[in-house]
């Protein structure tokens, strides 16, 4: 497997009112420590700014990666930017706002089951 397939890229964009951390690739294994280091280095710049995590190009995140992003969210309120079902799932797991979508509640059925057909 090509080494670059397991890479993580973090780009920081800053303007007067916000800082965006764009995360691309996989947030797993050794890249979690790298992300945490970047987050800690960015913290002094944040102060009163809106912090955004842009995960639109994230391809995979493991449980430890979710926890690292949750920890960062506890340090500073922020927004998670996601645009596909996959990245929205990551966002739901990061923010803890997992919603059940398009699922109907099933009423219990007390009628006997006909197994003769």
PDB file of N, CA and C in Angstrom:
ATOM      1  N   UNK A   1       0.848  -1.167   0.000  1.00  0.00           N
ATOM      2  CA  UNK A   1       0.000   0.000   0.000  1.00  0.00           C
ATOM      3  C   UNK A   1       0.898   1.236   0.000  1.00  0.00           C
ATOM      4  N   UNK A   2       0.520   2.222  -0.759  1.00  0.00           N
ATOM      5  CA  UNK A   2       1.297   3.458  -0.829  1.00  0.00           C
ATOM      6  C   UNK A   2       1.282   4.162   0.520  1.00  0.00           C
ATOM      7  N   UNK A   3       2.445   4.649   0.942  1.00  0.00           N
ATOM      8  CA  UNK A   3       2.592   5.313   2.240  1.00  0.00           C
ATOM      9  C   UNK A   3       1.684   6.540   2.370  1.00  0.00           C
ATOM     10  N   UNK A   4       1.494   7.284   1.281  1.00  0.00           N
ATOM     11  CA  UNK A   4       0.703   8.507   1.348  1.00  0.00           C
ATOM     12  C   UNK A   4      -0.762   8.252   1.664  1.00  0.00           C
ATOM     13  N   UNK A   5      -1.229   7.022   1.475  1.00  0.00           N
ATOM     14  CA  UNK A   5      -2.626   6.715   1.763  1.00  0.00           C
ATOM     15  C   UNK A   5      -2.932   6.811   3.259  1.00  0.00           C
ATOM     16  N   UNK A   6      -1.898   6.723   4.097  1.00  0.00           N
ATOM     17  CA  UNK A   6      -2.090   6.788   5.540  1.00  0.00           C
ATOM     18  C   UNK A   6      -1.699   8.141   6.112  1.00  0.00           C
ATOM     19  N   UNK A   7      -1.645   9.162   5.286  1.00  0.00           N
ATOM     20  CA  UNK A   7      -1.173  10.475   5.715  1.00  0.00           C
ATOM     21  C   UNK A   7      -2.308  11.338   6.261  1.00  0.00           C
ATOM     22  N   UNK A   8      -1.879  12.338   7.024  1.00  0.00           N
ATOM     23  CA  UNK A   8      -2.781  13.355   7.540  1.00  0.00           C
ATOM     24  C   UNK A   8      -2.202  14.705   7.164  1.00  0.00           C
ATOM     25  N   UNK A   9      -3.048  15.590   6.689  1.00  0.00           N
ATOM     26  CA  UNK A   9      -2.622  16.946   6.365  1.00  0.00           C
ATOM     27  C   UNK A   9      -3.515  17.913   7.133  1.00  0.00           C
ATOM     28  N   UNK A  10      -2.886  18.865   7.817  1.00  0.00           N
ATOM     29  CA  UNK A  10      -3.621  19.876   8.565  1.00  0.00           C
ATOM     30  C   UNK A  10      -3.183  21.241   8.053  1.00  0.00           C
ATOM     31  N   UNK A  11      -4.149  22.030   7.612  1.00  0.00           N
ATOM     32  CA  UNK A  11      -3.872  23.378   7.126  1.00  0.00           C
ATOM     33  C   UNK A  11      -4.660  24.350   7.993  1.00  0.00           C
ATOM     34  N   UNK A  12      -4.016  25.435   8.382  1.00  0.00           N
ATOM     35  CA  UNK A  12      -4.663  26.429   9.236  1.00  0.00           C
ATOM     36  C   UNK A  12      -4.911  27.691   8.424  1.00  0.00           C
ATOM     37  N   UNK A  13      -6.172  28.132   8.425  1.00  0.00           N
ATOM     38  CA  UNK A  13      -6.567  29.377   7.778  1.00  0.00           C
ATOM     39  C   UNK A  13      -7.040  30.326   8.876  1.00  0.00           C
ATOM     40  N   UNK A  14      -6.577  31.566   8.833  1.00  0.00           N
ATOM     41  CA  UNK A  14      -6.957  32.527   9.856  1.00  0.00           C
ATOM     42  C   UNK A  14      -7.380  33.836   9.221  1.00  0.00           C
ATOM     43  N   UNK A  15      -8.463  34.411   9.751  1.00  0.00           N
ATOM     44  CA  UNK A  15      -8.844  35.774   9.380  1.00  0.00           C
ATOM     45  C   UNK A  15      -9.165  36.525  10.671  1.00  0.00           C
ATOM     46  N   UNK A  16      -9.733  37.703  10.573  1.00  0.00           N
ATOM     47  CA  UNK A  16      -9.964  38.527  11.760  1.00  0.00           C
ATOM     48  C   UNK A  16     -10.910  37.887  12.773  1.00  0.00           C
ATOM     49  N   UNK A  17     -11.876  37.115  12.297  1.00  0.00           N
ATOM     50  CA  UNK A  17     -12.887  36.596  13.209  1.00  0.00           C
ATOM     51  C   UNK A  17     -12.850  35.088  13.428  1.00  0.00           C
ATOM     52  N   UNK A  18     -12.052  34.354  12.630  1.00  0.00           N
ATOM     53  CA  UNK A  18     -12.081  32.899  12.776  1.00  0.00           C
ATOM     54  C   UNK A  18     -10.753  32.242  12.425  1.00  0.00           C
ATOM     55  N   UNK A  19     -10.636  31.020  12.912  1.00  0.00           N
ATOM     56  CA  UNK A  19      -9.527  30.139  12.553  1.00  0.00           C
ATOM     57  C   UNK A  19     -10.150  28.841  12.078  1.00  0.00           C
ATOM     58  N   UNK A  20      -9.711  28.353  10.937  1.00  0.00           N
ATOM     59  CA  UNK A  20     -10.192  27.085  10.404  1.00  0.00           C
ATOM     60  C   UNK A  20      -9.036  26.107  10.352  1.00  0.00           C
ATOM     61  N   UNK A  21      -9.235  24.934  10.965  1.00  0.00           N
ATOM     62  CA  UNK A  21      -8.280  23.838  10.834  1.00  0.00           C
ATOM     63  C   UNK A  21      -8.869  22.870   9.820  1.00  0.00           C
ATOM     64  N   UNK A  22      -8.249  22.784   8.656  1.00  0.00           N
ATOM     65  CA  UNK A  22      -8.700  21.864   7.609  1.00  0.00           C
ATOM     66  C   UNK A  22      -7.927  20.559   7.788  1.00  0.00           C
ATOM     67  N   UNK A  23      -8.670  19.480   8.010  1.00  0.00           N
ATOM     68  CA  UNK A  23      -8.068  18.180   8.253  1.00  0.00           C
ATOM     69  C   UNK A  23      -8.353  17.296   7.050  1.00  0.00           C
ATOM     70  N   UNK A  24      -7.288  16.750   6.468  1.00  0.00           N
ATOM     71  CA  UNK A  24      -7.419  15.890   5.289  1.00  0.00           C
ATOM     72  C   UNK A  24      -6.756  14.546   5.566  1.00  0.00           C
ATOM     73  N   UNK A  25      -7.373  13.485   5.083  1.00  0.00           N
ATOM     74  CA  UNK A  25      -6.789  12.156   5.227  1.00  0.00           C
ATOM     75  C   UNK A  25      -7.340  11.414   6.425  1.00  0.00           C
ATOM     76  N   UNK A  26      -6.456  10.651   7.079  1.00  0.00           N
ATOM     77  CA  UNK A  26      -6.855   9.776   8.180  1.00  0.00           C
ATOM     78  C   UNK A  26      -6.327  10.291   9.506  1.00  0.00           C
ATOM     79  N   UNK A  27      -7.216  10.376  10.481  1.00  0.00           N
ATOM     80  CA  UNK A  27      -6.804  10.749  11.835  1.00  0.00           C
ATOM     81  C   UNK A  27      -6.765   9.468  12.662  1.00  0.00           C
ATOM     82  N   UNK A  28      -5.614   8.798  12.590  1.00  0.00           N
ATOM     83  CA  UNK A  28      -5.410   7.513  13.258  1.00  0.00           C
ATOM     84  C   UNK A  28      -3.977   7.446  13.790  1.00  0.00           C
ATOM     85  N   UNK A  29      -3.745   6.520  14.708  1.00  0.00           N
ATOM     86  CA  UNK A  29      -2.398   6.198  15.176  1.00  0.00           C
ATOM     87  C   UNK A  29      -1.537   7.407  15.493  1.00  0.00           C
ATOM     88  N   UNK A  30      -0.346   7.463  14.882  1.00  0.00           N
ATOM     89  CA  UNK A  30       0.599   8.539  15.198  1.00  0.00           C
ATOM     90  C   UNK A  30       0.101   9.922  14.774  1.00  0.00           C
ATOM     91  N   UNK A  31      -0.852   9.977  13.879  1.00  0.00           N
ATOM     92  CA  UNK A  31      -1.355  11.270  13.414  1.00  0.00           C
ATOM     93  C   UNK A  31      -2.217  11.953  14.472  1.00  0.00           C
ATOM     94  N   UNK A  32      -2.707  11.193  15.438  1.00  0.00           N
ATOM     95  CA  UNK A  32      -3.485  11.790  16.520  1.00  0.00           C
ATOM     96  C   UNK A  32      -2.595  12.696  17.359  1.00  0.00           C
ATOM     97  N   UNK A  33      -1.382  12.233  17.667  1.00  0.00           N
ATOM     98  CA  UNK A  33      -0.439  13.076  18.414  1.00  0.00           C
ATOM     99  C   UNK A  33      -0.077  14.315  17.613  1.00  0.00           C
ATOM    100  N   UNK A  34       0.081  14.155  16.307  1.00  0.00           N
ATOM    101  CA  UNK A  34       0.396  15.297  15.439  1.00  0.00           C
ATOM    102  C   UNK A  34      -0.741  16.319  15.472  1.00  0.00           C
ATOM    103  N   UNK A  35      -1.980  15.848  15.356  1.00  0.00           N
ATOM    104  CA  UNK A  35      -3.125  16.746  15.422  1.00  0.00           C
ATOM    105  C   UNK A  35      -3.162  17.464  16.767  1.00  0.00           C
ATOM    106  N   UNK A  36      -2.989  16.725  17.857  1.00  0.00           N
ATOM    107  CA  UNK A  36      -3.038  17.315  19.194  1.00  0.00           C
ATOM    108  C   UNK A  36      -1.971  18.394  19.355  1.00  0.00           C
ATOM    109  N   UNK A  37      -0.795  18.161  18.808  1.00  0.00           N
ATOM    110  CA  UNK A  37       0.277  19.152  18.876  1.00  0.00           C
ATOM    111  C   UNK A  37      -0.095  20.418  18.101  1.00  0.00           C
ATOM    112  N   UNK A  38      -0.642  20.245  16.899  1.00  0.00           N
ATOM    113  CA  UNK A  38      -1.067  21.401  16.102  1.00  0.00           C
ATOM    114  C   UNK A  38      -2.167  22.162  16.839  1.00  0.00           C
ATOM    115  N   UNK A  39      -3.115  21.434  17.419  1.00  0.00           N
ATOM    116  CA  UNK A  39      -4.220  22.066  18.141  1.00  0.00           C
ATOM    117  C   UNK A  39      -3.682  22.892  19.309  1.00  0.00           C
ATOM    118  N   UNK A  40      -2.748  22.318  20.068  1.00  0.00           N
ATOM    119  CA  UNK A  40      -2.171  23.035  21.208  1.00  0.00           C
ATOM    120  C   UNK A  40      -1.391  24.269  20.759  1.00  0.00           C
ATOM    121  N   UNK A  41      -0.700  24.179  19.618  1.00  0.00           N
ATOM    122  CA  UNK A  41       0.036  25.334  19.103  1.00  0.00           C
ATOM    123  C   UNK A  41      -0.910  26.422  18.604  1.00  0.00           C
ATOM    124  N   UNK A  42      -2.083  26.027  18.164  1.00  0.00           N
ATOM    125  CA  UNK A  42      -3.066  26.968  17.642  1.00  0.00           C
ATOM    126  C   UNK A  42      -3.837  27.661  18.773  1.00  0.00           C
ATOM    127  N   UNK A  43      -3.938  27.015  19.914  1.00  0.00           N
ATOM    128  CA  UNK A  43      -4.735  27.530  21.029  1.00  0.00           C
ATOM    129  C   UNK A  43      -4.441  28.990  21.379  1.00  0.00           C
ATOM    130  N   UNK A  44      -3.177  29.428  21.460  1.00  0.00           N
ATOM    131  CA  UNK A  44      -2.943  30.842  21.795  1.00  0.00           C
ATOM    132  C   UNK A  44      -3.497  31.820  20.750  1.00  0.00           C
ATOM    133  N   UNK A  45      -3.657  31.380  19.520  1.00  0.00           N
ATOM    134  CA  UNK A  45      -4.167  32.250  18.461  1.00  0.00           C
ATOM    135  C   UNK A  45      -5.688  32.398  18.519  1.00  0.00           C
ATOM    136  N   UNK A  46      -6.333  31.500  19.221  1.00  0.00           N
ATOM    137  CA  UNK A  46      -7.788  31.401  19.160  1.00  0.00           C
ATOM    138  C   UNK A  46      -8.495  32.499  19.944  1.00  0.00           C
ATOM    139  N   UNK A  47      -8.190  32.616  21.233  1.00  0.00           N
ATOM    140  CA  UNK A  47      -8.803  33.608  22.113  1.00  0.00           C
ATOM    141  C   UNK A  47     -10.302  33.771  21.832  1.00  0.00           C
ATOM    142  N   UNK A  48     -10.724  34.869  21.234  1.00  0.00           N
ATOM    143  CA  UNK A  48     -12.153  35.150  21.038  1.00  0.00           C
ATOM    144  C   UNK A  48     -12.623  34.817  19.624  1.00  0.00           C
ATOM    145  N   UNK A  49     -11.860  34.053  18.890  1.00  0.00           N
ATOM    146  CA  UNK A  49     -12.231  33.751  17.506  1.00  0.00           C
ATOM    147  C   UNK A  49     -13.128  32.521  17.421  1.00  0.00           C
ATOM    148  N   UNK A  50     -13.895  32.466  16.349  1.00  0.00           N
ATOM    149  CA  UNK A  50     -14.686  31.292  16.036  1.00  0.00           C
ATOM    150  C   UNK A  50     -13.740  30.238  15.475  1.00  0.00           C
ATOM    151  N   UNK A  51     -13.794  29.042  16.020  1.00  0.00           N
ATOM    152  CA  UNK A  51     -12.918  27.956  15.580  1.00  0.00           C
ATOM    153  C   UNK A  51     -13.730  26.981  14.752  1.00  0.00           C
ATOM    154  N   UNK A  52     -13.220  26.657  13.582  1.00  0.00           N
ATOM    155  CA  UNK A  52     -13.890  25.713  12.688  1.00  0.00           C
ATOM    156  C   UNK A  52     -12.977  24.536  12.415  1.00  0.00           C
ATOM    157  N   UNK A  53     -13.554  23.334  12.437  1.00  0.00           N
ATOM    158  CA  UNK A  53     -12.847  22.137  12.003  1.00  0.00           C
ATOM    159  C   UNK A  53     -13.461  21.746  10.666  1.00  0.00           C
ATOM    160  N   UNK A  54     -12.684  21.850   9.612  1.00  0.00           N
ATOM    161  CA  UNK A  54     -13.156  21.484   8.273  1.00  0.00           C
ATOM    162  C   UNK A  54     -12.699  20.059   8.016  1.00  0.00           C
ATOM    163  N   UNK A  55     -13.645  19.114   8.090  1.00  0.00           N
ATOM    164  CA  UNK A  55     -13.305  17.698   7.916  1.00  0.00           C
ATOM    165  C   UNK A  55     -13.840  17.149   6.589  1.00  0.00           C
ATOM    166  N   UNK A  56     -14.140  18.029   5.647  1.00  0.00           N
ATOM    167  CA  UNK A  56     -14.724  17.585   4.373  1.00  0.00           C
ATOM    168  C   UNK A  56     -13.815  16.645   3.593  1.00  0.00           C
ATOM    169  N   UNK A  57     -12.508  16.717   3.816  1.00  0.00           N
ATOM    170  CA  UNK A  57     -11.578  15.834   3.098  1.00  0.00           C
ATOM    171  C   UNK A  57     -10.979  14.767   4.005  1.00  0.00           C
ATOM    172  N   UNK A  58     -11.594  14.527   5.153  1.00  0.00           N
ATOM    173  CA  UNK A  58     -11.144  13.457   6.032  1.00  0.00           C
ATOM    174  C   UNK A  58     -11.701  12.146   5.493  1.00  0.00           C
ATOM    175  N   UNK A  59     -10.855  11.118   5.435  1.00  0.00           N
ATOM    176  CA  UNK A  59     -11.277   9.842   4.859  1.00  0.00           C
ATOM    177  C   UNK A  59     -11.495   8.750   5.892  1.00  0.00           C
ATOM    178  N   UNK A  60     -10.920   8.914   7.094  1.00  0.00           N
ATOM    179  CA  UNK A  60     -11.101   7.905   8.139  1.00  0.00           C
ATOM    180  C   UNK A  60     -10.712   8.509   9.472  1.00  0.00           C
ATOM    181  N   UNK A  61     -11.391   8.065  10.518  1.00  0.00           N
ATOM    182  CA  UNK A  61     -11.036   8.470  11.879  1.00  0.00           C
ATOM    183  C   UNK A  61     -11.356   7.305  12.801  1.00  0.00           C
ATOM    184  N   UNK A  62     -10.416   6.993  13.694  1.00  0.00           N
ATOM    185  CA  UNK A  62     -10.683   5.907  14.635  1.00  0.00           C
ATOM    186  C   UNK A  62     -11.165   6.484  15.965  1.00  0.00           C
ATOM    187  N   UNK A  63     -11.434   5.621  16.929  1.00  0.00           N
ATOM    188  CA  UNK A  63     -11.961   6.063  18.215  1.00  0.00           C
ATOM    189  C   UNK A  63     -11.049   7.049  18.931  1.00  0.00           C
ATOM    190  N   UNK A  64      -9.737   6.828  18.858  1.00  0.00           N
ATOM    191  CA  UNK A  64      -8.798   7.751  19.497  1.00  0.00           C
ATOM    192  C   UNK A  64      -8.809   9.112  18.796  1.00  0.00           C
ATOM    193  N   UNK A  65      -9.004   9.107  17.483  1.00  0.00           N
ATOM    194  CA  UNK A  65      -9.107  10.361  16.736  1.00  0.00           C
ATOM    195  C   UNK A  65     -10.351  11.140  17.121  1.00  0.00           C
ATOM    196  N   UNK A  66     -11.460  10.423  17.294  1.00  0.00           N
ATOM    197  CA  UNK A  66     -12.705  11.058  17.750  1.00  0.00           C
ATOM    198  C   UNK A  66     -12.468  11.723  19.105  1.00  0.00           C
ATOM    199  N   UNK A  67     -11.818  11.009  20.010  1.00  0.00           N
ATOM    200  CA  UNK A  67     -11.562  11.559  21.340  1.00  0.00           C
ATOM    201  C   UNK A  67     -10.659  12.784  21.276  1.00  0.00           C
ATOM    202  N   UNK A  68      -9.649  12.772  20.408  1.00  0.00           N
ATOM    203  CA  UNK A  68      -8.759  13.939  20.262  1.00  0.00           C
ATOM    204  C   UNK A  68      -9.547  15.156  19.788  1.00  0.00           C
ATOM    205  N   UNK A  69     -10.451  14.960  18.837  1.00  0.00           N
ATOM    206  CA  UNK A  69     -11.260  16.075  18.349  1.00  0.00           C
ATOM    207  C   UNK A  69     -12.268  16.537  19.395  1.00  0.00           C
ATOM    208  N   UNK A  70     -12.825  15.597  20.153  1.00  0.00           N
ATOM    209  CA  UNK A  70     -13.732  15.981  21.237  1.00  0.00           C
ATOM    210  C   UNK A  70     -12.995  16.805  22.285  1.00  0.00           C
ATOM    211  N   UNK A  71     -11.783  16.389  22.613  1.00  0.00           N
ATOM    212  CA  UNK A  71     -10.986  17.128  23.592  1.00  0.00           C
ATOM    213  C   UNK A  71     -10.742  18.552  23.097  1.00  0.00           C
ATOM    214  N   UNK A  72     -10.410  18.704  21.823  1.00  0.00           N
ATOM    215  CA  UNK A  72     -10.218  20.029  21.253  1.00  0.00           C
ATOM    216  C   UNK A  72     -11.472  20.867  21.325  1.00  0.00           C
ATOM    217  N   UNK A  73     -12.611  20.262  21.116  1.00  0.00           N
ATOM    218  CA  UNK A  73     -13.880  20.995  21.195  1.00  0.00           C
ATOM    219  C   UNK A  73     -14.161  21.450  22.616  1.00  0.00           C
ATOM    220  N   UNK A  74     -13.700  20.716  23.613  1.00  0.00           N
ATOM    221  CA  UNK A  74     -13.906  21.140  25.005  1.00  0.00           C
ATOM    222  C   UNK A  74     -13.062  22.371  25.319  1.00  0.00           C
ATOM    223  N   UNK A  75     -11.910  22.501  24.665  1.00  0.00           N
ATOM    224  CA  UNK A  75     -11.061  23.667  24.910  1.00  0.00           C
ATOM    225  C   UNK A  75     -11.702  24.933  24.367  1.00  0.00           C
ATOM    226  N   UNK A  76     -12.334  24.832  23.225  1.00  0.00           N
ATOM    227  CA  UNK A  76     -12.911  26.005  22.560  1.00  0.00           C
ATOM    228  C   UNK A  76     -14.174  25.596  21.820  1.00  0.00           C
ATOM    229  N   UNK A  77     -15.243  26.392  21.977  1.00  0.00           N
ATOM    230  CA  UNK A  77     -16.429  26.107  21.177  1.00  0.00           C
ATOM    231  C   UNK A  77     -16.097  26.287  19.704  1.00  0.00           C
ATOM    232  N   UNK A  78     -16.620  25.447  18.881  1.00  0.00           N
ATOM    233  CA  UNK A  78     -16.314  25.563  17.463  1.00  0.00           C
ATOM    234  C   UNK A  78     -17.373  24.908  16.601  1.00  0.00           C
ATOM    235  N   UNK A  79     -17.157  25.009  15.329  1.00  0.00           N
ATOM    236  CA  UNK A  79     -18.068  24.478  14.321  1.00  0.00           C
ATOM    237  C   UNK A  79     -17.331  23.378  13.569  1.00  0.00           C
ATOM    238  N   UNK A  80     -18.043  22.315  13.231  1.00  0.00           N
ATOM    239  CA  UNK A  80     -17.473  21.248  12.420  1.00  0.00           C
ATOM    240  C   UNK A  80     -18.114  21.333  11.039  1.00  0.00           C
ATOM    241  N   UNK A  81     -17.275  21.426  10.005  1.00  0.00           N
ATOM    242  CA  UNK A  81     -17.762  21.559   8.636  1.00  0.00           C
ATOM    243  C   UNK A  81     -17.647  20.201   7.946  1.00  0.00           C
ATOM    244  N   UNK A  82     -18.784  19.657   7.519  1.00  0.00           N
ATOM    245  CA  UNK A  82     -18.843  18.356   6.859  1.00  0.00           C
ATOM    246  C   UNK A  82     -19.848  18.445   5.717  1.00  0.00           C
ATOM    247  N   UNK A  83     -19.613  17.689   4.639  1.00  0.00           N
ATOM    248  CA  UNK A  83     -20.515  17.827   3.491  1.00  0.00           C
ATOM    249  C   UNK A  83     -20.939  16.518   2.823  1.00  0.00           C
ATOM    250  N   UNK A  84     -20.521  15.391   3.335  1.00  0.00           N
ATOM    251  CA  UNK A  84     -20.927  14.115   2.751  1.00  0.00           C
ATOM    252  C   UNK A  84     -21.506  13.239   3.866  1.00  0.00           C
ATOM    253  N   UNK A  85     -22.199  12.175   3.520  1.00  0.00           N
ATOM    254  CA  UNK A  85     -22.685  11.284   4.584  1.00  0.00           C
ATOM    255  C   UNK A  85     -21.544  10.783   5.487  1.00  0.00           C
ATOM    256  N   UNK A  86     -20.397  10.482   4.905  1.00  0.00           N
ATOM    257  CA  UNK A  86     -19.270   9.994   5.698  1.00  0.00           C
ATOM    258  C   UNK A  86     -18.776  11.064   6.664  1.00  0.00           C
ATOM    259  N   UNK A  87     -18.522  12.277   6.164  1.00  0.00           N
ATOM    260  CA  UNK A  87     -17.992  13.314   7.047  1.00  0.00           C
ATOM    261  C   UNK A  87     -19.052  13.832   8.019  1.00  0.00           C
ATOM    262  N   UNK A  88     -20.328  13.766   7.638  1.00  0.00           N
ATOM    263  CA  UNK A  88     -21.382  14.132   8.588  1.00  0.00           C
ATOM    264  C   UNK A  88     -21.442  13.111   9.727  1.00  0.00           C
ATOM    265  N   UNK A  89     -21.191  11.839   9.405  1.00  0.00           N
ATOM    266  CA  UNK A  89     -21.122  10.816  10.451  1.00  0.00           C
ATOM    267  C   UNK A  89     -19.953  11.109  11.389  1.00  0.00           C
ATOM    268  N   UNK A  90     -18.796  11.454  10.822  1.00  0.00           N
ATOM    269  CA  UNK A  90     -17.651  11.835  11.659  1.00  0.00           C
ATOM    270  C   UNK A  90     -18.036  13.002  12.555  1.00  0.00           C
ATOM    271  N   UNK A  91     -18.687  14.018  11.978  1.00  0.00           N
ATOM    272  CA  UNK A  91     -19.092  15.201  12.724  1.00  0.00           C
ATOM    273  C   UNK A  91     -20.037  14.834  13.865  1.00  0.00           C
ATOM    274  N   UNK A  92     -21.013  13.981  13.579  1.00  0.00           N
ATOM    275  CA  UNK A  92     -21.953  13.547  14.616  1.00  0.00           C
ATOM    276  C   UNK A  92     -21.218  12.871  15.768  1.00  0.00           C
ATOM    277  N   UNK A  93     -20.235  12.029  15.435  1.00  0.00           N
ATOM    278  CA  UNK A  93     -19.491  11.332  16.484  1.00  0.00           C
ATOM    279  C   UNK A  93     -18.591  12.291  17.265  1.00  0.00           C
ATOM    280  N   UNK A  94     -18.041  13.286  16.591  1.00  0.00           N
ATOM    281  CA  UNK A  94     -17.181  14.266  17.261  1.00  0.00           C
ATOM    282  C   UNK A  94     -17.998  15.132  18.210  1.00  0.00           C
ATOM    283  N   UNK A  95     -19.142  15.616  17.732  1.00  0.00           N
ATOM    284  CA  UNK A  95     -19.948  16.554  18.526  1.00  0.00           C
ATOM    285  C   UNK A  95     -20.865  15.849  19.507  1.00  0.00           C
ATOM    286  N   UNK A  96     -21.041  14.545  19.331  1.00  0.00           N
ATOM    287  CA  UNK A  96     -21.939  13.811  20.214  1.00  0.00           C
ATOM    288  C   UNK A  96     -23.396  14.027  19.881  1.00  0.00           C
ATOM    289  N   UNK A  97     -23.662  14.573  18.694  1.00  0.00           N
ATOM    290  CA  UNK A  97     -25.053  14.850  18.307  1.00  0.00           C
ATOM    291  C   UNK A  97     -25.533  13.840  17.279  1.00  0.00           C
ATOM    292  N   UNK A  98     -25.280  12.569  17.567  1.00  0.00           N
ATOM    293  CA  UNK A  98     -25.692  11.518  16.647  1.00  0.00           C
ATOM    294  C   UNK A  98     -27.208  11.458  16.620  1.00  0.00           C
ATOM    295  N   UNK A  99     -27.753  11.625  15.445  1.00  0.00           N
ATOM    296  CA  UNK A  99     -29.204  11.608  15.279  1.00  0.00           C
ATOM    297  C   UNK A  99     -29.599  10.399  14.452  1.00  0.00           C
ATOM    298  N   UNK A 100     -30.693   9.782  14.819  1.00  0.00           N
ATOM    299  CA  UNK A 100     -31.215   8.683  14.016  1.00  0.00           C
ATOM    300  C   UNK A 100     -32.048   9.314  12.918  1.00  0.00           C
ATOM    301  N   UNK A 101     -31.693   9.019  11.682  1.00  0.00           N
ATOM    302  CA  UNK A 101     -32.376   9.637  10.548  1.00  0.00           C
ATOM    303  C   UNK A 101     -33.170   8.591   9.770  1.00  0.00           C
ATOM    304  N   UNK A 102     -34.356   8.995   9.338  1.00  0.00           N
ATOM    305  CA  UNK A 102     -35.191   8.169   8.471  1.00  0.00           C
ATOM    306  C   UNK A 102     -35.504   6.800   9.069  1.00  0.00           C
ATOM    307  N   UNK A 103     -35.714   6.763  10.359  1.00  0.00           N
ATOM    308  CA  UNK A 103     -36.067   5.497  11.007  1.00  0.00           C
ATOM    309  C   UNK A 103     -37.433   5.669  11.647  1.00  0.00           C
ATOM    310  N   UNK A 104     -38.348   4.777  11.304  1.00  0.00           N
ATOM    311  CA  UNK A 104     -39.679   4.821  11.885  1.00  0.00           C
ATOM    312  C   UNK A 104     -39.712   3.922  13.117  1.00  0.00           C
ATOM    313  N   UNK A 105     -40.409   4.389  14.137  1.00  0.00           N
ATOM    314  CA  UNK A 105     -40.569   3.557  15.315  1.00  0.00           C
ATOM    315  C   UNK A 105     -41.533   2.434  14.967  1.00  0.00           C
ATOM    316  N   UNK A 106     -41.190   1.236  15.327  1.00  0.00           N
ATOM    317  CA  UNK A 106     -42.007   0.072  15.006  1.00  0.00           C
ATOM    318  C   UNK A 106     -42.902  -0.254  16.192  1.00  0.00           C
ATOM    319  N   UNK A 107     -44.192  -0.314  15.923  1.00  0.00           N
ATOM    320  CA  UNK A 107     -45.157  -0.661  16.961  1.00  0.00           C
ATOM    321  C   UNK A 107     -45.076  -2.156  17.220  1.00  0.00           C
ATOM    322  N   UNK A 108     -45.160  -2.561  18.483  1.00  0.00           N
ATOM    323  CA  UNK A 108     -45.161  -4.000  18.769  1.00  0.00           C
ATOM    324  C   UNK A 108     -46.421  -4.647  18.193  1.00  0.00           C
ATOM    325  N   UNK A 109     -46.260  -5.840  17.724  1.00  0.00           N
ATOM    326  CA  UNK A 109     -47.375  -6.570  17.121  1.00  0.00           C
ATOM    327  C   UNK A 109     -47.696  -7.775  17.993  1.00  0.00           C
ATOM    328  N   UNK A 110     -48.941  -7.861  18.445  1.00  0.00           N
ATOM    329  CA  UNK A 110     -49.348  -8.982  19.296  1.00  0.00           C
ATOM    330  C   UNK A 110     -50.079 -10.056  18.507  1.00  0.00           C
ATOM    331  N   UNK A 111     -50.253  -9.852  17.201  1.00  0.00           N
ATOM    332  CA  UNK A 111     -50.968 -10.828  16.381  1.00  0.00           C
ATOM    333  C   UNK A 111     -50.091 -12.061  16.173  1.00  0.00           C
ATOM    334  N   UNK A 112     -50.698 -13.232  16.111  1.00  0.00           N
ATOM    335  CA  UNK A 112     -49.915 -14.443  15.863  1.00  0.00           C
ATOM    336  C   UNK A 112     -49.323 -14.424  14.457  1.00  0.00           C
ATOM    337  N   UNK A 113     -48.197 -15.007  14.310  1.00  0.00           N
ATOM    338  CA  UNK A 113     -47.510 -15.079  13.015  1.00  0.00           C
ATOM    339  C   UNK A 113     -47.984 -16.294  12.262  1.00  0.00           C
ATOM    340  N   UNK A 114     -48.440 -16.100  11.017  1.00  0.00           N
ATOM    341  CA  UNK A 114     -48.897 -17.193  10.175  1.00  0.00           C
ATOM    342  C   UNK A 114     -47.707 -17.729   9.405  1.00  0.00           C
ATOM    343  N   UNK A 115     -47.256 -18.938   9.723  1.00  0.00           N
ATOM    344  CA  UNK A 115     -46.077 -19.543   9.083  1.00  0.00           C
ATOM    345  C   UNK A 115     -46.475 -20.625   8.077  1.00  0.00           C
ATOM    346  N   UNK A 116     -47.753 -20.651   7.683  1.00  0.00           N
ATOM    347  CA  UNK A 116     -48.196 -21.687   6.756  1.00  0.00           C
ATOM    348  C   UNK A 116     -47.923 -21.344   5.311  1.00  0.00           C
ATOM    349  N   UNK A 117     -47.639 -20.093   5.003  1.00  0.00           N
ATOM    350  CA  UNK A 117     -47.421 -19.672   3.607  1.00  0.00           C
ATOM    351  C   UNK A 117     -46.012 -19.884   3.182  1.00  0.00           C
TER     352      UNK A 117
END
